[in-house]
């Protein structure tokens, strides 16, 4: 698997759709799970392009490795990402997930490949 694979975005979307409500993962964790450990930026691009994907992709559950809502600019309005996370029981303060480790979902540990 490579980030240049034409199906890479679809594979990212499949993983993101498996993130349970109330949990989050990082761009890098998804890339690592897909065997492209240095592809966090490509996973971010996939998230930026997912708004019309069918079935829906819960992009609000993907944050950076420190739990920051770095993708919020791609939501309309940008506060929507935080609102969606809070609706699922995740506390966010200053664009940072509180108790990030508690909410972190690692696809490499949670999914069998």
C-alpha atoms as a PDB file:
ATOM      1  CA  UNK A   1       0.000   0.000   0.000  1.00  0.00           C
ATOM      2  CA  UNK A   2       1.212   3.464  -0.790  1.00  0.00           C
ATOM      3  CA  UNK A   3      -0.238   6.904  -0.281  1.00  0.00           C
ATOM      4  CA  UNK A   4      -0.086   7.266  -4.082  1.00  0.00           C
ATOM      5  CA  UNK A   5      -2.433   4.299  -4.535  1.00  0.00           C
ATOM      6  CA  UNK A   6      -5.623   5.551  -6.240  1.00  0.00           C
ATOM      7  CA  UNK A   7      -7.665   3.740  -3.593  1.00  0.00           C
ATOM      8  CA  UNK A   8      -5.799   5.278  -0.643  1.00  0.00           C
ATOM      9  CA  UNK A   9      -8.555   7.811   0.169  1.00  0.00           C
ATOM     10  CA  UNK A  10     -11.181   5.042   0.087  1.00  0.00           C
ATOM     11  CA  UNK A  11      -9.109   2.938   2.497  1.00  0.00           C
ATOM     12  CA  UNK A  12      -8.746   5.918   4.823  1.00  0.00           C
ATOM     13  CA  UNK A  13     -12.518   6.435   4.725  1.00  0.00           C
ATOM     14  CA  UNK A  14     -13.128   2.771   5.551  1.00  0.00           C
ATOM     15  CA  UNK A  15     -10.963   3.062   8.667  1.00  0.00           C
ATOM     16  CA  UNK A  16     -12.523   6.366   9.776  1.00  0.00           C
ATOM     17  CA  UNK A  17     -16.018   4.904   9.464  1.00  0.00           C
ATOM     18  CA  UNK A  18     -14.997   2.285  12.057  1.00  0.00           C
ATOM     19  CA  UNK A  19     -14.038   4.799  14.761  1.00  0.00           C
ATOM     20  CA  UNK A  20     -16.654   4.414  17.504  1.00  0.00           C
ATOM     21  CA  UNK A  21     -18.674   7.383  18.735  1.00  0.00           C
ATOM     22  CA  UNK A  22     -16.906   9.104  21.589  1.00  0.00           C
ATOM     23  CA  UNK A  23     -13.458   8.066  20.361  1.00  0.00           C
ATOM     24  CA  UNK A  24     -10.872   9.761  18.138  1.00  0.00           C
ATOM     25  CA  UNK A  25      -7.747   8.791  16.257  1.00  0.00           C
ATOM     26  CA  UNK A  26      -4.914  10.641  14.571  1.00  0.00           C
ATOM     27  CA  UNK A  27      -3.925  11.110  10.956  1.00  0.00           C
ATOM     28  CA  UNK A  28      -0.654   9.305  11.650  1.00  0.00           C
ATOM     29  CA  UNK A  29      -2.323   6.327  13.359  1.00  0.00           C
ATOM     30  CA  UNK A  30      -4.488   5.786  10.283  1.00  0.00           C
ATOM     31  CA  UNK A  31      -1.470   6.047   7.975  1.00  0.00           C
ATOM     32  CA  UNK A  32       0.516   3.613  10.116  1.00  0.00           C
ATOM     33  CA  UNK A  33      -2.388   1.152  10.166  1.00  0.00           C
ATOM     34  CA  UNK A  34      -2.564   1.287   6.369  1.00  0.00           C
ATOM     35  CA  UNK A  35       1.164   0.547   6.167  1.00  0.00           C
ATOM     36  CA  UNK A  36       2.180   4.049   5.153  1.00  0.00           C
ATOM     37  CA  UNK A  37       3.581   5.391   8.410  1.00  0.00           C
ATOM     38  CA  UNK A  38       4.798   8.680   6.947  1.00  0.00           C
ATOM     39  CA  UNK A  39       1.506   9.558   5.274  1.00  0.00           C
ATOM     40  CA  UNK A  40      -0.252  11.615   7.978  1.00  0.00           C
ATOM     41  CA  UNK A  41      -0.463  14.556   5.583  1.00  0.00           C
ATOM     42  CA  UNK A  42      -2.092  12.400   2.883  1.00  0.00           C
ATOM     43  CA  UNK A  43      -4.619  11.153   5.440  1.00  0.00           C
ATOM     44  CA  UNK A  44      -5.345  14.826   6.189  1.00  0.00           C
ATOM     45  CA  UNK A  45      -5.907  15.487   2.498  1.00  0.00           C
ATOM     46  CA  UNK A  46      -8.299  12.536   2.395  1.00  0.00           C
ATOM     47  CA  UNK A  47     -10.211  14.011   5.335  1.00  0.00           C
ATOM     48  CA  UNK A  48     -10.382  17.392   3.576  1.00  0.00           C
ATOM     49  CA  UNK A  49     -11.894  15.699   0.533  1.00  0.00           C
ATOM     50  CA  UNK A  50     -14.415  13.454   2.317  1.00  0.00           C
ATOM     51  CA  UNK A  51     -17.345  15.807   2.808  1.00  0.00           C
ATOM     52  CA  UNK A  52     -19.323  14.376  -0.121  1.00  0.00           C
ATOM     53  CA  UNK A  53     -18.288  10.741   0.366  1.00  0.00           C
ATOM     54  CA  UNK A  54     -21.006   8.131   0.594  1.00  0.00           C
ATOM     55  CA  UNK A  55     -21.549   6.630   3.061  1.00  0.00           C
ATOM     56  CA  UNK A  56     -20.736   9.552   5.339  1.00  0.00           C
ATOM     57  CA  UNK A  57     -17.240   9.779   6.868  1.00  0.00           C
ATOM     58  CA  UNK A  58     -17.077  11.013  10.499  1.00  0.00           C
ATOM     59  CA  UNK A  59     -14.061  13.239   9.834  1.00  0.00           C
ATOM     60  CA  UNK A  60     -14.548  15.057  13.144  1.00  0.00           C
ATOM     61  CA  UNK A  61     -13.090  11.983  14.876  1.00  0.00           C
ATOM     62  CA  UNK A  62      -9.667  12.470  13.260  1.00  0.00           C
ATOM     63  CA  UNK A  63      -7.276  14.900  14.961  1.00  0.00           C
ATOM     64  CA  UNK A  64      -3.534  15.445  15.116  1.00  0.00           C
ATOM     65  CA  UNK A  65      -1.196  13.354  17.270  1.00  0.00           C
ATOM     66  CA  UNK A  66      -1.576  15.767  20.183  1.00  0.00           C
ATOM     67  CA  UNK A  67      -5.372  15.813  20.135  1.00  0.00           C
ATOM     68  CA  UNK A  68      -5.633  19.202  18.435  1.00  0.00           C
ATOM     69  CA  UNK A  69      -8.560  19.931  16.110  1.00  0.00           C
ATOM     70  CA  UNK A  70      -6.269  20.858  13.215  1.00  0.00           C
ATOM     71  CA  UNK A  71      -8.935  19.967  10.638  1.00  0.00           C
ATOM     72  CA  UNK A  72     -11.582  22.320  12.005  1.00  0.00           C
ATOM     73  CA  UNK A  73     -11.013  24.867   9.223  1.00  0.00           C
ATOM     74  CA  UNK A  74     -12.540  22.361   6.799  1.00  0.00           C
ATOM     75  CA  UNK A  75     -15.869  22.291   8.649  1.00  0.00           C
ATOM     76  CA  UNK A  76     -18.596  24.811   8.024  1.00  0.00           C
ATOM     77  CA  UNK A  77     -18.622  26.598  10.371  1.00  0.00           C
ATOM     78  CA  UNK A  78     -15.210  25.670  11.884  1.00  0.00           C
ATOM     79  CA  UNK A  79     -16.837  25.264  15.335  1.00  0.00           C
ATOM     80  CA  UNK A  80     -18.842  22.318  13.975  1.00  0.00           C
ATOM     81  CA  UNK A  81     -15.951  19.871  14.530  1.00  0.00           C
ATOM     82  CA  UNK A  82     -15.881  20.670  18.257  1.00  0.00           C
ATOM     83  CA  UNK A  83     -19.679  20.586  18.476  1.00  0.00           C
ATOM     84  CA  UNK A  84     -19.814  17.107  16.923  1.00  0.00           C
ATOM     85  CA  UNK A  85     -17.157  15.796  19.314  1.00  0.00           C
ATOM     86  CA  UNK A  86     -18.889  17.314  22.333  1.00  0.00           C
ATOM     87  CA  UNK A  87     -22.176  15.757  21.231  1.00  0.00           C
ATOM     88  CA  UNK A  88     -20.364  12.402  21.519  1.00  0.00           C
ATOM     89  CA  UNK A  89     -19.158  13.159  25.051  1.00  0.00           C
ATOM     90  CA  UNK A  90     -15.657  14.439  24.291  1.00  0.00           C
ATOM     91  CA  UNK A  91     -14.583  17.626  26.062  1.00  0.00           C
ATOM     92  CA  UNK A  92     -12.637  20.141  23.977  1.00  0.00           C
ATOM     93  CA  UNK A  93     -10.920  23.236  25.327  1.00  0.00           C
ATOM     94  CA  UNK A  94      -8.895  25.676  23.212  1.00  0.00           C
ATOM     95  CA  UNK A  95      -9.167  23.298  20.216  1.00  0.00           C
ATOM     96  CA  UNK A  96      -7.598  20.474  22.279  1.00  0.00           C
ATOM     97  CA  UNK A  97      -9.269  17.243  23.346  1.00  0.00           C
ATOM     98  CA  UNK A  98      -9.210  16.912  27.128  1.00  0.00           C
ATOM     99  CA  UNK A  99      -7.979  13.467  28.273  1.00  0.00           C
ATOM    100  CA  UNK A 100      -6.896  12.670  24.720  1.00  0.00           C
ATOM    101  CA  UNK A 101      -5.307   9.342  25.741  1.00  0.00           C
ATOM    102  CA  UNK A 102      -8.618   8.179  27.225  1.00  0.00           C
ATOM    103  CA  UNK A 103     -10.461   8.846  23.963  1.00  0.00           C
ATOM    104  CA  UNK A 104      -7.714   7.709  21.572  1.00  0.00           C
ATOM    105  CA  UNK A 105      -8.662   4.814  19.310  1.00  0.00           C
ATOM    106  CA  UNK A 106      -5.672   3.101  17.682  1.00  0.00           C
ATOM    107  CA  UNK A 107      -6.741   1.176  14.563  1.00  0.00           C
ATOM    108  CA  UNK A 108      -3.586  -0.987  14.786  1.00  0.00           C
ATOM    109  CA  UNK A 109      -4.766  -2.285  18.162  1.00  0.00           C
ATOM    110  CA  UNK A 110      -8.541  -2.214  17.574  1.00  0.00           C
ATOM    111  CA  UNK A 111      -8.739  -3.718  14.080  1.00  0.00           C
ATOM    112  CA  UNK A 112      -7.441  -6.942  12.671  1.00  0.00           C
ATOM    113  CA  UNK A 113      -5.913  -6.418   9.245  1.00  0.00           C
END
